[in-house]
Amino acid sequence: MDMLLNFFAESFDLPILDWIAGTLRCAFLDFVMPLITVLGDAGIFWIAVAVVLLFFPKYRKIGLSMGAALIMGLLVCNVTMKPLIARIRPYDYQLAHFGKEISLLIAAPHDFSFPSGHTLASFEAATALLIGNKKLGIPAMILACLIAFSRLYLYVHYPTDVLFSVGLGVGFAFLGTWLVNKGFSAYEQHKLQK
């Protein structure tokens, strides 16, 4: 697995990160990207949105779908995959393999890189919102994309971390929505039988 990850790091990931750092870096984004990335910290923002939605009957299913997706992502990715795959962060890879020190705009994360928890949580929540309500989902999806890009801009994740997390986040959102809809259908059937 390490050989495959190193191959992707050197042939695909690091050239993209270096291009972003060399081409897109500017004072405005240096200020904005750390603020945007905070919205993905520990999924707190998305958890708060899901909890708020639970208070409104019209949006309760969406809040539950978001919660189901976020829980699945936490268990599968953060608890299981991150420690099993144990991929070092790109700034650590640059230092270990090329002796290149990357100056970060945020405090260096101390966990593993793959997958991106910020991206995963953002796409789980935003996709569940988009499935349930397009008016809420479109701005949420834009924010999710900005959070995912911030992880690349800040040089704390590889593009492959982010791409994998987008796909998995969308998948968990659909699965969470399906499970919640099944649960609501079973509950309605049970009520009708009484």
C-alpha atoms as a PDB file:
ATOM      1  CA  MET A   1       0.000   0.000   0.000  1.00  0.00           C
ATOM      2  CA  ASP A   2       2.850   2.395   0.847  1.00  0.00           C
ATOM      3  CA  MET A   3       4.383   1.923  -2.603  1.00  0.00           C
ATOM      4  CA  LEU A   4       1.080   2.750  -4.296  1.00  0.00           C
ATOM      5  CA  LEU A   5       0.498   5.824  -2.120  1.00  0.00           C
ATOM      6  CA  ASN A   6       4.072   7.017  -2.729  1.00  0.00           C
ATOM      7  CA  PHE A   7       3.610   6.539  -6.471  1.00  0.00           C
ATOM      8  CA  PHE A   8       0.450   8.673  -6.420  1.00  0.00           C
ATOM      9  CA  ALA A   9       2.106  11.237  -4.155  1.00  0.00           C
ATOM     10  CA  GLU A  10       5.044  11.798  -6.483  1.00  0.00           C
ATOM     11  CA  SER A  11       3.367  11.373  -9.881  1.00  0.00           C
ATOM     12  CA  PHE A  12       0.009  13.061  -9.246  1.00  0.00           C
ATOM     13  CA  ASP A  13      -0.527  14.637  -5.824  1.00  0.00           C
ATOM     14  CA  LEU A  14       2.557  16.712  -5.102  1.00  0.00           C
ATOM     15  CA  PRO A  15       2.751  18.279  -8.585  1.00  0.00           C
ATOM     16  CA  ILE A  16      -0.852  19.509  -8.136  1.00  0.00           C
ATOM     17  CA  LEU A  17      -0.177  20.838  -4.634  1.00  0.00           C
ATOM     18  CA  ASP A  18       2.999  22.552  -5.847  1.00  0.00           C
ATOM     19  CA  TRP A  19       1.095  24.074  -8.782  1.00  0.00           C
ATOM     20  CA  ILE A  20      -1.579  25.432  -6.426  1.00  0.00           C
ATOM     21  CA  ALA A  21       1.114  26.834  -4.106  1.00  0.00           C
ATOM     22  CA  GLY A  22       3.080  28.339  -6.981  1.00  0.00           C
ATOM     23  CA  THR A  23       0.181  29.690  -9.050  1.00  0.00           C
ATOM     24  CA  LEU A  24      -2.800  30.455  -6.833  1.00  0.00           C
ATOM     25  CA  ARG A  25      -1.181  31.601  -3.586  1.00  0.00           C
ATOM     26  CA  CYS A  26      -2.026  35.220  -2.792  1.00  0.00           C
ATOM     27  CA  ALA A  27      -2.636  37.374   0.271  1.00  0.00           C
ATOM     28  CA  PHE A  28      -6.424  37.198  -0.114  1.00  0.00           C
ATOM     29  CA  LEU A  29      -6.571  33.377  -0.266  1.00  0.00           C
ATOM     30  CA  ASP A  30      -3.922  33.098   2.448  1.00  0.00           C
ATOM     31  CA  PHE A  31      -6.373  34.966   4.667  1.00  0.00           C
ATOM     32  CA  VAL A  32      -9.624  33.308   3.498  1.00  0.00           C
ATOM     33  CA  MET A  33      -8.649  29.617   3.188  1.00  0.00           C
ATOM     34  CA  PRO A  34      -7.752  29.127   6.880  1.00  0.00           C
ATOM     35  CA  LEU A  35     -11.152  30.626   7.788  1.00  0.00           C
ATOM     36  CA  ILE A  36     -13.007  28.355   5.361  1.00  0.00           C
ATOM     37  CA  THR A  37     -11.175  25.236   6.503  1.00  0.00           C
ATOM     38  CA  VAL A  38     -12.244  25.863  10.121  1.00  0.00           C
ATOM     39  CA  LEU A  39     -15.844  25.204   9.035  1.00  0.00           C
ATOM     40  CA  GLY A  40     -14.832  21.584   8.442  1.00  0.00           C
ATOM     41  CA  ASP A  41     -13.031  21.087  11.776  1.00  0.00           C
ATOM     42  CA  ALA A  42     -14.343  17.874  13.360  1.00  0.00           C
ATOM     43  CA  GLY A  43     -17.534  18.259  11.297  1.00  0.00           C
ATOM     44  CA  ILE A  44     -18.852  20.609  14.017  1.00  0.00           C
ATOM     45  CA  PHE A  45     -20.463  23.069  11.595  1.00  0.00           C
ATOM     46  CA  TRP A  46     -22.267  20.275   9.720  1.00  0.00           C
ATOM     47  CA  ILE A  47     -23.310  18.556  12.943  1.00  0.00           C
ATOM     48  CA  ALA A  48     -24.764  21.856  14.169  1.00  0.00           C
ATOM     49  CA  VAL A  49     -26.714  22.280  10.911  1.00  0.00           C
ATOM     50  CA  ALA A  50     -28.081  18.726  11.212  1.00  0.00           C
ATOM     51  CA  VAL A  51     -29.137  19.310  14.832  1.00  0.00           C
ATOM     52  CA  VAL A  52     -30.877  22.600  13.965  1.00  0.00           C
ATOM     53  CA  LEU A  53     -32.801  20.864  11.152  1.00  0.00           C
ATOM     54  CA  LEU A  54     -34.115  18.287  13.633  1.00  0.00           C
ATOM     55  CA  PHE A  55     -36.152  21.015  15.341  1.00  0.00           C
ATOM     56  CA  PHE A  56     -38.204  21.668  12.192  1.00  0.00           C
ATOM     57  CA  PRO A  57     -40.604  18.871  11.175  1.00  0.00           C
ATOM     58  CA  LYS A  58     -40.303  19.879   7.507  1.00  0.00           C
ATOM     59  CA  TYR A  59     -36.508  19.322   7.600  1.00  0.00           C
ATOM     60  CA  ARG A  60     -36.251  16.555  10.196  1.00  0.00           C
ATOM     61  CA  LYS A  61     -35.615  13.791   7.644  1.00  0.00           C
ATOM     62  CA  ILE A  62     -32.786  15.831   6.127  1.00  0.00           C
ATOM     63  CA  GLY A  63     -31.206  16.390   9.543  1.00  0.00           C
ATOM     64  CA  LEU A  64     -31.420  12.676  10.320  1.00  0.00           C
ATOM     65  CA  SER A  65     -29.972  11.804   6.899  1.00  0.00           C
ATOM     66  CA  MET A  66     -27.061  14.161   7.521  1.00  0.00           C
ATOM     67  CA  GLY A  67     -26.522  12.650  10.958  1.00  0.00           C
ATOM     68  CA  ALA A  68     -26.595   9.077   9.632  1.00  0.00           C
ATOM     69  CA  ALA A  69     -24.068   9.936   6.893  1.00  0.00           C
ATOM     70  CA  LEU A  70     -21.774  11.765   9.328  1.00  0.00           C
ATOM     71  CA  ILE A  71     -21.794   8.827  11.766  1.00  0.00           C
ATOM     72  CA  MET A  72     -20.980   6.338   8.997  1.00  0.00           C
ATOM     73  CA  GLY A  73     -18.125   8.526   7.785  1.00  0.00           C
ATOM     74  CA  LEU A  74     -16.724   8.904  11.282  1.00  0.00           C
ATOM     75  CA  LEU A  75     -16.731   5.145  11.913  1.00  0.00           C
ATOM     76  CA  VAL A  76     -15.501   3.990   8.507  1.00  0.00           C
ATOM     77  CA  CYS A  77     -12.978   6.712   7.749  1.00  0.00           C
ATOM     78  CA  ASN A  78     -11.732   8.418  10.886  1.00  0.00           C
ATOM     79  CA  VAL A  79     -11.900   5.465  13.259  1.00  0.00           C
ATOM     80  CA  THR A  80     -10.988   2.671  10.817  1.00  0.00           C
ATOM     81  CA  MET A  81      -9.294   3.834   7.607  1.00  0.00           C
ATOM     82  CA  LYS A  82      -7.051   6.665   8.853  1.00  0.00           C
ATOM     83  CA  PRO A  83      -5.104   4.536  11.351  1.00  0.00           C
ATOM     84  CA  LEU A  84      -5.048   1.469   9.078  1.00  0.00           C
ATOM     85  CA  ILE A  85      -3.708   3.292   6.010  1.00  0.00           C
ATOM     86  CA  ALA A  86      -1.567   5.697   8.064  1.00  0.00           C
ATOM     87  CA  ARG A  87      -0.676   8.006   5.181  1.00  0.00           C
ATOM     88  CA  ILE A  88       1.605  10.826   6.251  1.00  0.00           C
ATOM     89  CA  ARG A  89       0.638  14.402   5.417  1.00  0.00           C
ATOM     90  CA  PRO A  90       2.028  15.958   2.221  1.00  0.00           C
ATOM     91  CA  TYR A  91       4.179  18.499   4.079  1.00  0.00           C
ATOM     92  CA  ASP A  92       5.755  15.619   6.065  1.00  0.00           C
ATOM     93  CA  TYR A  93       6.249  13.634   2.842  1.00  0.00           C
ATOM     94  CA  GLN A  94       8.049  16.588   1.235  1.00  0.00           C
ATOM     95  CA  LEU A  95      10.356  16.877   4.233  1.00  0.00           C
ATOM     96  CA  ALA A  96      11.021  13.128   4.607  1.00  0.00           C
ATOM     97  CA  HIS A  97      11.570  12.351   0.908  1.00  0.00           C
ATOM     98  CA  PHE A  98      12.921  15.593  -0.558  1.00  0.00           C
ATOM     99  CA  GLY A  99      14.175  17.618   2.406  1.00  0.00           C
ATOM    100  CA  LYS A 100      11.724  20.370   1.446  1.00  0.00           C
ATOM    101  CA  GLU A 101      10.090  22.237   4.319  1.00  0.00           C
ATOM    102  CA  ILE A 102       6.585  23.523   3.585  1.00  0.00           C
ATOM    103  CA  SER A 103       5.507  26.655   5.414  1.00  0.00           C
ATOM    104  CA  LEU A 104       1.921  26.100   6.577  1.00  0.00           C
ATOM    105  CA  LEU A 105      -0.721  28.780   7.124  1.00  0.00           C
ATOM    106  CA  ILE A 106      -2.430  26.740   9.868  1.00  0.00           C
ATOM    107  CA  ALA A 107      -1.239  24.554  12.729  1.00  0.00           C
ATOM    108  CA  ALA A 108       0.018  21.244  11.387  1.00  0.00           C
ATOM    109  CA  PRO A 109      -2.546  18.440  11.868  1.00  0.00           C
ATOM    110  CA  HIS A 110      -1.108  15.539  13.860  1.00  0.00           C
ATOM    111  CA  ASP A 111      -3.285  12.709  12.539  1.00  0.00           C
ATOM    112  CA  PHE A 112      -2.951  10.824   9.265  1.00  0.00           C
ATOM    113  CA  SER A 113      -3.887  12.215   5.875  1.00  0.00           C
ATOM    114  CA  PHE A 114      -6.086   9.630   4.149  1.00  0.00           C
ATOM    115  CA  PRO A 115      -9.006  10.222   3.840  1.00  0.00           C
ATOM    116  CA  SER A 116      -9.761  13.912   4.372  1.00  0.00           C
ATOM    117  CA  GLY A 117     -12.198  14.179   7.285  1.00  0.00           C
ATOM    118  CA  HIS A 118     -13.028  17.812   6.456  1.00  0.00           C
ATOM    119  CA  THR A 119     -13.936  16.898   2.872  1.00  0.00           C
ATOM    120  CA  LEU A 120     -15.775  13.736   3.850  1.00  0.00           C
ATOM    121  CA  ALA A 121     -18.020  15.416   6.430  1.00  0.00           C
ATOM    122  CA  SER A 122     -18.668  18.365   4.122  1.00  0.00           C
ATOM    123  CA  PHE A 123     -19.779  16.211   1.203  1.00  0.00           C
ATOM    124  CA  GLU A 124     -21.829  13.873   3.392  1.00  0.00           C
ATOM    125  CA  ALA A 125     -23.763  16.798   4.828  1.00  0.00           C
ATOM    126  CA  ALA A 126     -24.007  18.902   1.671  1.00  0.00           C
ATOM    127  CA  THR A 127     -25.133  15.954  -0.466  1.00  0.00           C
ATOM    128  CA  ALA A 128     -27.785  14.943   2.076  1.00  0.00           C
ATOM    129  CA  LEU A 129     -29.000  18.558   2.047  1.00  0.00           C
ATOM    130  CA  LEU A 130     -29.011  18.629  -1.751  1.00  0.00           C
ATOM    131  CA  ILE A 131     -31.005  15.387  -1.945  1.00  0.00           C
ATOM    132  CA  GLY A 132     -33.562  16.696   0.533  1.00  0.00           C
ATOM    133  CA  ASN A 133     -33.765  20.363  -0.463  1.00  0.00           C
ATOM    134  CA  LYS A 134     -32.048  21.948  -3.451  1.00  0.00           C
ATOM    135  CA  LYS A 135     -32.332  25.505  -2.090  1.00  0.00           C
ATOM    136  CA  LEU A 136     -30.341  24.520   0.995  1.00  0.00           C
ATOM    137  CA  GLY A 137     -28.200  21.980  -0.821  1.00  0.00           C
ATOM    138  CA  ILE A 138     -26.699  24.195  -3.524  1.00  0.00           C
ATOM    139  CA  PRO A 139     -25.022  26.700  -1.157  1.00  0.00           C
ATOM    140  CA  ALA A 140     -23.993  23.797   1.091  1.00  0.00           C
ATOM    141  CA  MET A 141     -22.369  22.064  -1.894  1.00  0.00           C
ATOM    142  CA  ILE A 142     -20.499  25.264  -2.813  1.00  0.00           C
ATOM    143  CA  LEU A 143     -19.233  25.485   0.766  1.00  0.00           C
ATOM    144  CA  ALA A 144     -18.241  21.799   0.700  1.00  0.00           C
ATOM    145  CA  CYS A 145     -16.200  22.407  -2.475  1.00  0.00           C
ATOM    146  CA  LEU A 146     -14.494  25.408  -0.873  1.00  0.00           C
ATOM    147  CA  ILE A 147     -13.649  23.406   2.253  1.00  0.00           C
ATOM    148  CA  ALA A 148     -12.243  20.562   0.120  1.00  0.00           C
ATOM    149  CA  PHE A 149     -10.154  23.014  -1.920  1.00  0.00           C
ATOM    150  CA  SER A 150      -8.923  24.697   1.278  1.00  0.00           C
ATOM    151  CA  ARG A 151      -7.328  21.404   2.344  1.00  0.00           C
ATOM    152  CA  LEU A 152      -5.277  21.401  -0.864  1.00  0.00           C
ATOM    153  CA  TYR A 153      -4.485  25.112  -0.736  1.00  0.00           C
ATOM    154  CA  LEU A 154      -3.242  24.733   2.844  1.00  0.00           C
ATOM    155  CA  TYR A 155      -1.056  21.751   1.792  1.00  0.00           C
ATOM    156  CA  VAL A 156      -2.491  19.463   4.483  1.00  0.00           C
ATOM    157  CA  HIS A 157      -4.075  16.853   2.160  1.00  0.00           C
ATOM    158  CA  TYR A 158      -3.206  15.190  -1.114  1.00  0.00           C
ATOM    159  CA  PRO A 159      -5.646  15.538  -4.042  1.00  0.00           C
ATOM    160  CA  THR A 160      -6.225  11.764  -3.892  1.00  0.00           C
ATOM    161  CA  ASP A 161      -7.303  12.123  -0.225  1.00  0.00           C
ATOM    162  CA  VAL A 162      -9.806  14.779  -1.235  1.00  0.00           C
ATOM    163  CA  LEU A 163     -11.123  13.002  -4.352  1.00  0.00           C
ATOM    164  CA  PHE A 164     -11.633   9.744  -2.457  1.00  0.00           C
ATOM    165  CA  SER A 165     -13.375  11.617   0.355  1.00  0.00           C
ATOM    166  CA  VAL A 166     -15.731  13.405  -2.060  1.00  0.00           C
ATOM    167  CA  GLY A 167     -16.813  10.074  -3.552  1.00  0.00           C
ATOM    168  CA  LEU A 168     -17.198   8.391  -0.192  1.00  0.00           C
ATOM    169  CA  GLY A 169     -19.039  11.378   1.279  1.00  0.00           C
ATOM    170  CA  VAL A 170     -21.564  11.383  -1.567  1.00  0.00           C
ATOM    171  CA  GLY A 171     -22.007   7.624  -1.174  1.00  0.00           C
ATOM    172  CA  PHE A 172     -22.588   7.856   2.587  1.00  0.00           C
ATOM    173  CA  ALA A 173     -25.079  10.689   2.030  1.00  0.00           C
ATOM    174  CA  PHE A 174     -27.132   8.557  -0.369  1.00  0.00           C
ATOM    175  CA  LEU A 175     -26.929   5.572   1.981  1.00  0.00           C
ATOM    176  CA  GLY A 176     -27.869   7.679   5.012  1.00  0.00           C
ATOM    177  CA  THR A 177     -30.812   9.197   3.135  1.00  0.00           C
ATOM    178  CA  TRP A 178     -31.966   5.760   2.003  1.00  0.00           C
ATOM    179  CA  LEU A 179     -31.766   4.363   5.550  1.00  0.00           C
ATOM    180  CA  VAL A 180     -33.697   7.296   7.016  1.00  0.00           C
ATOM    181  CA  ASN A 181     -36.366   7.064   4.306  1.00  0.00           C
ATOM    182  CA  LYS A 182     -36.692   3.312   4.966  1.00  0.00           C
ATOM    183  CA  GLY A 183     -37.037   3.993   8.690  1.00  0.00           C
ATOM    184  CA  PHE A 184     -39.714   6.634   8.125  1.00  0.00           C
ATOM    185  CA  SER A 185     -41.593   4.317   5.730  1.00  0.00           C
ATOM    186  CA  ALA A 186     -41.499   1.463   8.253  1.00  0.00           C
ATOM    187  CA  TYR A 187     -42.740   3.819  10.980  1.00  0.00           C
ATOM    188  CA  GLU A 188     -45.622   5.057   8.789  1.00  0.00           C
ATOM    189  CA  GLN A 189     -46.582   1.456   7.934  1.00  0.00           C
ATOM    190  CA  HIS A 190     -46.521   0.559  11.620  1.00  0.00           C
ATOM    191  CA  LYS A 191     -48.790   3.501  12.456  1.00  0.00           C
ATOM    192  CA  LEU A 192     -51.269   2.492   9.738  1.00  0.00           C
ATOM    193  CA  GLN A 193     -51.467  -1.056  11.090  1.00  0.00           C
ATOM    194  CA  LYS A 194     -52.491   0.122  14.566  1.00  0.00           C
END
